[in-house]
C-alpha cells in the first residue's frame, strides 16, 4: 500500500511513520509536511538515512502545504491508495491568538485532500481528529462516538468543522473516509510547548513549570505508540463512514502530571508556578474506547507509569534534540539533508 501521510514531521505523524514502516514492510509512505514551527524532520532522520531517497525507497518526503491543490493532486495521482491526515494547526493557545490559520489549514486543507481523494478514487481516507471536538465533560461519564460535538476553542472548532466535512464526503460521495478522535498523547519527539515535554524540559533546566489555573483540569492520557497502533487498526480494518474514539483510560489532573514529572526527576515542587488560566479552558476530557476495542481488536500496551518513566528518560537522554527545538536550530536539518537534492 502506498500511503500519503500529511503532517508527518510532527509529533504523532512522525511516530506513526516509524510505526507503519516497521510494522508493514510492504507499505510505502509519502510524507507531505509544510514544516511550520512544529514540523521537525529530525524526528525522521533515521528513516531518511535508512531509505536514502532512492527509486526503491519506502519513504519519501515532500515539502508542501495541504492547501496547495496542484501539489496535492500530483502526489495523490501517483498511485496513492490511502491518505492519513495528521496535518493541522493544533495548539489551543495559538488558536486564541490567531484563529485564521487554523480555519485555513484544518478546514480548507482538509477539503483539498478530500477532493483529491475523490478525484483519484483513493481506497482509504483517515482523518486524525481530537477529543476536544466534544467540548468539556462534567465530573462523570466519558465521550462516546455518539456524543454531540461542542467545541470550545477556535482550534477544536476548526477540527470539528473538518470532521463534518469528512462525514459529508462519505455521505454525499461515498468516499471511504473514517475519523479517529484521540485523547491527549505523550511520548518521544513531542514539541516542547505541550504540557508534558514542556514541564520535563523545564524541570531538567530547573525552570518554573507554568501550571494553568488551579491545575485540576483533567485529561485522558495515552502513549503515542498505542495511538499509532489504533490508527493502524482503523486504516486496515475500520468501517468507512465510522468514527473511532481512542483513549488511554487514564484520567489525570494537570497537577498530578506535574508532580509525577517532578518526582521522576527528583526535582522540588517549588518549581511549580501557577499562572492565570487560559480562556475557555475545558475542565475535563475522558474517552470511551469500547468501540475500537470491540470491533477492531485494538488494545493498549502501555500503562501510564511505565510510559511516563520511558518518556522522562527519553527527554533526559535527548537533551540535544529538545535544546535544538527550543532554540529553533532544528529547522537547519531540512537544508542540510534536502537542500541540495
Protein backbone atom coordinates (compact mmCIF):
# COMPACT_ATOMS: atom_id res chain seq x y z
CA UNK A 1 0.00 0.00 0.00
CA UNK A 2 1.22 3.49 -0.86
CA UNK A 3 0.10 5.97 1.81
CA UNK A 4 0.14 9.76 1.77
CA UNK A 5 0.72 10.94 5.33
CA UNK A 6 0.22 14.64 5.79
CA UNK A 7 1.85 16.40 8.71
CA UNK A 8 4.27 13.50 9.08
CA UNK A 9 7.06 15.64 10.52
CA UNK A 10 5.02 16.43 13.61
CA UNK A 11 4.89 14.52 16.87
CA UNK A 12 2.18 11.93 16.19
CA UNK A 13 2.75 11.83 12.44
CA UNK A 14 6.46 11.04 12.73
CA UNK A 15 5.82 8.37 15.33
CA UNK A 16 3.21 6.85 13.02
CA UNK A 17 5.56 6.83 10.03
CA UNK A 18 8.16 4.91 12.02
CA UNK A 19 5.44 2.57 13.29
CA UNK A 20 3.89 1.83 9.90
CA UNK A 21 7.23 1.23 8.15
CA UNK A 22 8.37 -1.09 10.93
CA UNK A 23 5.06 -2.96 11.12
CA UNK A 24 4.27 -3.28 7.40
CA UNK A 25 7.35 -3.97 5.24
CA UNK A 26 5.20 -3.88 2.08
CA UNK A 27 3.92 -0.32 2.72
CA UNK A 28 5.37 2.87 1.26
CA UNK A 29 4.96 6.36 2.69
CA UNK A 30 4.93 9.83 1.15
CA UNK A 31 5.27 12.44 3.89
CA UNK A 32 3.81 15.83 2.93
CA UNK A 33 4.60 18.50 5.50
CA UNK A 34 4.82 22.28 5.31
CA UNK A 35 7.45 22.34 8.08
CA UNK A 36 5.76 25.05 10.06
CA UNK A 37 7.10 25.66 13.56
CA UNK A 38 6.16 22.21 14.95
CA UNK A 39 7.33 20.19 11.93
CA UNK A 40 10.71 18.66 12.65
CA UNK A 41 12.39 16.39 10.11
CA UNK A 42 14.99 15.40 12.69
CA UNK A 43 12.18 13.23 14.10
CA UNK A 44 12.58 11.09 10.95
CA UNK A 45 16.30 11.39 10.42
CA UNK A 46 16.93 7.66 10.94
CA UNK A 47 14.18 6.79 8.45
CA UNK A 48 15.53 9.16 5.81
CA UNK A 49 19.06 7.88 6.27
CA UNK A 50 17.96 4.24 6.09
CA UNK A 51 15.92 4.74 2.92
CA UNK A 52 18.38 7.07 1.22
CA UNK A 53 15.76 8.51 -1.14
CA UNK A 54 16.49 6.06 -3.96
CA UNK A 55 13.95 4.81 -6.51
CA UNK A 56 13.05 1.79 -4.35
CA UNK A 57 12.83 3.76 -1.12
CA UNK A 58 9.77 3.14 1.03
CA UNK A 59 9.88 6.68 2.46
CA UNK A 60 9.70 9.93 0.55
CA UNK A 61 9.44 13.47 1.92
CA UNK A 62 7.75 16.33 0.07
CA UNK A 63 7.78 19.83 1.49
CA UNK A 64 4.43 21.46 0.88
CA UNK A 65 1.13 22.65 2.25
CA UNK A 66 -2.09 20.60 2.15
CA UNK A 67 -3.80 23.74 0.81
CA UNK A 68 -1.72 23.54 -2.40
CA UNK A 69 -4.25 21.99 -4.78
CA UNK A 70 -1.91 21.18 -7.67
CA UNK A 71 0.78 19.71 -5.43
CA UNK A 72 -1.65 17.50 -3.53
CA UNK A 73 -3.28 16.37 -6.76
CA UNK A 74 0.07 15.44 -8.31
CA UNK A 75 1.08 13.39 -5.27
CA UNK A 76 -2.22 11.55 -4.99
CA UNK A 77 -2.35 10.88 -8.73
CA UNK A 78 0.95 8.98 -8.47
CA UNK A 79 -0.54 5.77 -7.11
CA UNK A 80 -1.57 6.83 -3.60
CA UNK A 81 -4.00 4.25 -2.19
CA UNK A 82 -4.63 5.78 1.24
CA UNK A 83 -4.44 9.21 2.86
CA UNK A 84 -3.98 9.79 6.58
CA UNK A 85 -4.37 13.44 7.51
CA UNK A 86 -2.35 14.41 10.56
CA UNK A 87 -1.66 17.91 9.22
CA UNK A 88 -3.17 20.54 11.48
CA UNK A 89 -2.55 23.64 13.46
CA UNK A 90 -3.04 22.13 16.89
CA UNK A 91 -2.13 24.42 19.77
CA UNK A 92 -5.12 25.87 21.62
CA UNK A 93 -3.25 28.93 22.91
CA UNK A 94 -2.11 29.83 19.40
CA UNK A 95 -5.68 29.48 18.10
CA UNK A 96 -6.83 32.03 20.66
CA UNK A 97 -4.22 34.50 19.39
CA UNK A 98 -4.90 33.86 15.67
CA UNK A 99 -7.82 31.68 14.62
CA UNK A 100 -7.48 32.35 10.88
CA UNK A 101 -4.64 29.95 10.11
CA UNK A 102 -6.48 27.19 11.99
CA UNK A 103 -9.51 27.55 9.72
CA UNK A 104 -7.35 27.70 6.60
CA UNK A 105 -5.23 24.65 7.38
CA UNK A 106 -7.61 22.46 9.34
CA UNK A 107 -10.77 23.03 7.28
CA UNK A 108 -9.75 24.25 3.83
CA UNK A 109 -6.69 21.99 3.76
CA UNK A 110 -8.89 19.02 4.59
CA UNK A 111 -11.19 19.93 1.70
CA UNK A 112 -8.24 19.89 -0.72
CA UNK A 113 -7.27 16.40 0.46
CA UNK A 114 -10.83 15.11 0.24
CA UNK A 115 -11.24 16.43 -3.29
CA UNK A 116 -8.01 14.77 -4.38
CA UNK A 117 -9.02 11.50 -2.71
CA UNK A 118 -12.36 11.60 -4.51
CA UNK A 119 -10.85 12.52 -7.87
CA UNK A 120 -8.30 9.70 -7.80
CA UNK A 121 -10.50 7.09 -6.10
CA UNK A 122 -8.34 6.65 -3.01
CA UNK A 123 -9.25 3.44 -1.18
CA UNK A 124 -9.00 4.86 2.37
CA UNK A 125 -9.07 8.33 3.86
CA UNK A 126 -8.41 8.61 7.61
CA UNK A 127 -8.94 11.95 9.36
CA UNK A 128 -6.97 12.31 12.59
CA UNK A 129 -9.13 14.37 14.92
CA UNK A 130 -9.26 15.03 18.65
CA UNK A 131 -11.46 14.51 21.69
CA UNK A 132 -11.53 18.30 22.04
CA UNK A 133 -14.30 18.49 19.42
CA UNK A 134 -16.68 17.12 22.08
CA UNK A 135 -16.12 20.07 24.39
CA UNK A 136 -15.91 19.75 28.16
CA UNK A 137 -17.21 16.89 30.30
CA UNK A 138 -18.81 17.13 33.70
CA UNK A 139 -17.37 15.23 36.67
CA UNK A 140 -18.69 11.86 35.42
CA UNK A 141 -19.11 9.96 32.18
CA UNK A 142 -16.97 9.62 29.04
CA UNK A 143 -17.11 10.74 25.45
CA UNK A 144 -18.54 8.14 23.08
CA UNK A 145 -18.74 8.30 19.30
CA UNK A 146 -22.37 9.44 19.61
CA UNK A 147 -21.55 12.36 21.95
CA UNK A 148 -22.60 15.62 20.21
CA UNK A 149 -19.68 17.79 19.19
CA UNK A 150 -19.49 21.08 21.11
CA UNK A 151 -16.04 22.65 20.61
CA UNK A 152 -15.00 25.46 22.95
CA UNK A 153 -11.84 26.86 21.32
CA UNK A 154 -11.05 28.07 17.79
CA UNK A 155 -8.71 25.08 17.45
CA UNK A 156 -11.31 22.48 18.40
CA UNK A 157 -13.95 24.27 16.31
CA UNK A 158 -11.69 24.02 13.25
CA UNK A 159 -11.16 20.31 13.87
CA UNK A 160 -14.91 19.80 14.32
CA UNK A 161 -15.52 21.61 11.03
CA UNK A 162 -13.05 19.30 9.29
CA UNK A 163 -14.75 16.25 10.80
CA UNK A 164 -18.12 17.37 9.48
CA UNK A 165 -16.62 17.93 6.05
CA UNK A 166 -15.15 14.41 6.05
CA UNK A 167 -18.53 13.00 7.08
CA UNK A 168 -20.24 14.88 4.27
CA UNK A 169 -17.88 13.43 1.64
CA UNK A 170 -18.75 9.94 2.85
CA UNK A 171 -22.48 10.62 2.90
CA UNK A 172 -22.59 12.54 -0.41
CA UNK A 173 -19.91 10.84 -2.50
CA UNK A 174 -19.40 7.54 -0.64
CA UNK A 175 -15.72 8.39 -0.20
CA UNK A 176 -14.33 5.60 2.04
CA UNK A 177 -13.47 8.02 4.85
CA UNK A 178 -13.01 7.36 8.56
CA UNK A 179 -12.41 9.61 11.56
CA UNK A 180 -10.39 8.96 14.71
CA UNK A 181 -10.68 11.08 17.85
CA UNK A 182 -7.94 10.58 20.40
CA UNK A 183 -7.23 11.78 23.91
CA UNK A 184 -4.03 13.58 24.93
CA UNK A 185 -0.84 11.93 23.66
CA UNK A 186 2.57 11.79 25.28
CA UNK A 187 5.88 10.19 24.35
CA UNK A 188 9.14 10.88 22.48
CA UNK A 189 9.56 13.67 19.93
CA UNK A 190 6.67 15.82 21.20
CA UNK A 191 7.18 19.52 20.54
CA UNK A 192 8.07 21.14 23.88
CA UNK A 193 5.18 23.59 24.01
CA UNK A 194 2.77 20.85 25.13
CA UNK A 195 2.36 20.21 28.84
CA UNK A 196 4.41 17.05 29.40
CA UNK A 197 7.51 17.83 27.26
CA UNK A 198 7.45 21.48 28.36
CA UNK A 199 7.40 20.54 32.03
CA UNK A 200 10.02 17.79 31.63
CA UNK A 201 12.44 20.05 29.78
CA UNK A 202 11.83 23.00 32.12
CA UNK A 203 12.39 20.77 35.15
CA UNK A 204 15.60 19.41 33.63
CA UNK A 205 16.72 23.04 33.30
CA UNK A 206 15.48 23.96 36.81
CA UNK A 207 12.99 26.44 35.35
CA UNK A 208 9.46 27.15 36.53
CA UNK A 209 6.62 24.88 35.40
CA UNK A 210 3.74 27.23 34.43
CA UNK A 211 0.57 25.45 35.56
CA UNK A 212 -2.75 26.92 34.39
CA UNK A 213 -5.40 27.92 36.94
CA UNK A 214 -5.72 25.55 39.89
CA UNK A 215 -4.10 22.67 37.98
CA UNK A 216 -7.17 20.48 38.38
CA UNK A 217 -8.19 20.25 34.72
CA UNK A 218 -8.48 16.55 33.86
CA UNK A 219 -7.20 14.88 30.70
CA UNK A 220 -7.18 11.27 29.50
CA UNK A 221 -3.59 10.34 28.57
CA UNK A 222 -2.38 7.78 26.02
CA UNK A 223 1.12 6.86 24.88
CA UNK A 224 1.71 7.87 21.26
CA UNK A 225 2.67 4.33 20.21
CA UNK A 226 -0.67 2.99 21.44
CA UNK A 227 -2.33 5.74 19.39
CA UNK A 228 -0.31 4.70 16.32
CA UNK A 229 -1.39 1.08 16.74
CA UNK A 230 -5.02 2.20 16.91
CA UNK A 231 -4.72 4.24 13.70
CA UNK A 232 -3.18 1.21 12.03
CA UNK A 233 -6.26 -0.81 13.03
CA UNK A 234 -8.59 1.85 11.63
CA UNK A 235 -6.61 2.12 8.39
CA UNK A 236 -6.73 -1.61 7.68
CA UNK A 237 -9.91 -2.81 9.39
CA UNK A 238 -12.14 0.18 10.09
CA UNK A 239 -15.56 0.61 8.51
CA UNK A 240 -15.89 3.62 6.15
CA UNK A 241 -18.16 6.34 7.48
CA UNK A 242 -17.43 5.46 11.11
CA UNK A 243 -15.83 7.43 13.94
CA UNK A 244 -13.47 5.65 16.33
CA UNK A 245 -12.59 7.08 19.75
CA UNK A 246 -9.11 6.27 21.04
CA UNK A 247 -8.37 6.81 24.71
CA UNK A 248 -5.87 5.78 27.33
CA UNK A 249 -8.35 5.08 30.15
CA UNK A 250 -6.02 7.19 32.26
CA UNK A 251 -7.53 10.34 33.72
CA UNK A 252 -5.08 12.64 35.45
CA UNK A 253 -5.26 16.24 36.61
CA UNK A 254 -2.59 18.56 35.28
CA UNK A 255 -1.37 18.90 38.85
CA UNK A 256 -0.92 15.10 39.10
CA UNK A 257 1.02 15.06 35.82
CA UNK A 258 3.24 17.87 37.05
CA UNK A 259 4.02 16.17 40.34
CA UNK A 260 4.77 12.83 38.64
CA UNK A 261 7.32 14.56 36.40
CA UNK A 262 8.98 16.27 39.35
CA UNK A 263 9.08 13.04 41.33
CA UNK A 264 10.57 11.12 38.42
CA UNK A 265 13.30 13.75 38.02
CA UNK A 266 13.72 14.22 41.79
CA UNK A 267 13.00 17.94 41.47
CA UNK A 268 11.27 20.11 44.11
CA UNK A 269 7.60 21.13 43.89
CA UNK A 270 8.77 24.72 44.38
CA UNK A 271 9.32 24.73 40.60
CA UNK A 272 5.53 24.75 40.11
CA UNK A 273 4.34 28.24 39.18
CA UNK A 274 0.57 28.75 38.96
CA UNK A 275 -0.42 31.14 36.16
CA UNK A 276 -3.69 32.72 35.00
CA UNK A 277 -5.97 30.18 33.34
CA UNK A 278 -6.47 30.42 29.58
CA UNK A 279 -9.89 31.45 28.19
CA UNK A 280 -12.36 28.63 27.54
CA UNK A 281 -10.16 26.03 29.22
CA UNK A 282 -12.15 22.76 29.15
CA UNK A 283 -12.35 21.21 32.60
CA UNK A 284 -12.37 17.50 31.81
CA UNK A 285 -11.96 15.07 28.91
CA UNK A 286 -12.34 11.29 29.06
CA UNK A 287 -12.66 8.85 26.15
CA UNK A 288 -14.64 5.62 25.91
CA UNK A 289 -12.61 3.31 23.61
CA UNK A 290 -15.04 0.38 23.76
CA UNK A 291 -15.94 0.54 20.06
CA UNK A 292 -12.42 0.28 18.63
CA UNK A 293 -11.51 -2.42 21.14
CA UNK A 294 -14.62 -4.49 20.43
CA UNK A 295 -14.84 -4.03 16.65
CA UNK A 296 -11.18 -3.79 15.60
CA UNK A 297 -9.39 -5.67 18.37
CA UNK A 298 -7.20 -2.77 19.48
CA UNK A 299 -5.64 -2.89 22.96
CA UNK A 300 -3.17 -0.73 24.85
CA UNK A 301 0.36 -1.88 25.57
CA UNK A 302 1.45 0.97 27.84
CA UNK A 303 0.32 1.77 31.35
CA UNK A 304 0.83 5.35 32.44
CA UNK A 305 3.60 4.75 34.97
CA UNK A 306 5.78 2.82 32.52
CA UNK A 307 5.01 5.20 29.67
CA UNK A 308 5.88 8.28 31.71
CA UNK A 309 9.09 6.74 33.02
CA UNK A 310 10.18 5.97 29.46
CA UNK A 311 9.15 9.45 28.28
CA UNK A 312 11.06 11.25 31.04
CA UNK A 313 14.09 9.05 30.32
CA UNK A 314 13.89 9.82 26.60
CA UNK A 315 13.91 13.59 27.17
CA UNK A 316 16.68 13.23 29.74
CA UNK A 317 18.82 11.32 27.22
CA UNK A 318 17.97 13.53 24.25
CA UNK A 319 18.73 16.97 25.59
CA UNK A 320 20.38 17.96 22.30
CA UNK A 321 17.12 17.27 20.43
CA UNK A 322 14.91 19.45 22.59
CA UNK A 323 17.56 22.13 23.05
CA UNK A 324 17.70 22.46 19.27
CA UNK A 325 13.90 22.63 19.13
CA UNK A 326 13.68 25.33 21.78
CA UNK A 327 16.41 27.37 20.08
CA UNK A 328 14.96 26.95 16.59
CA UNK A 329 18.07 25.19 15.25
CA UNK A 330 16.06 22.06 14.37
CA UNK A 331 14.96 23.86 11.21
CA UNK A 332 18.52 23.61 9.86
CA UNK A 333 18.15 19.87 9.23
CA UNK A 334 15.91 20.35 6.20
CA UNK A 335 18.53 22.46 4.43
CA UNK A 336 21.36 20.10 5.37
CA UNK A 337 19.56 16.96 4.25
CA UNK A 338 17.32 18.11 1.40
CA UNK A 339 18.67 21.49 0.36
CA UNK A 340 20.99 20.26 -2.39
CA UNK A 341 18.78 17.49 -3.78
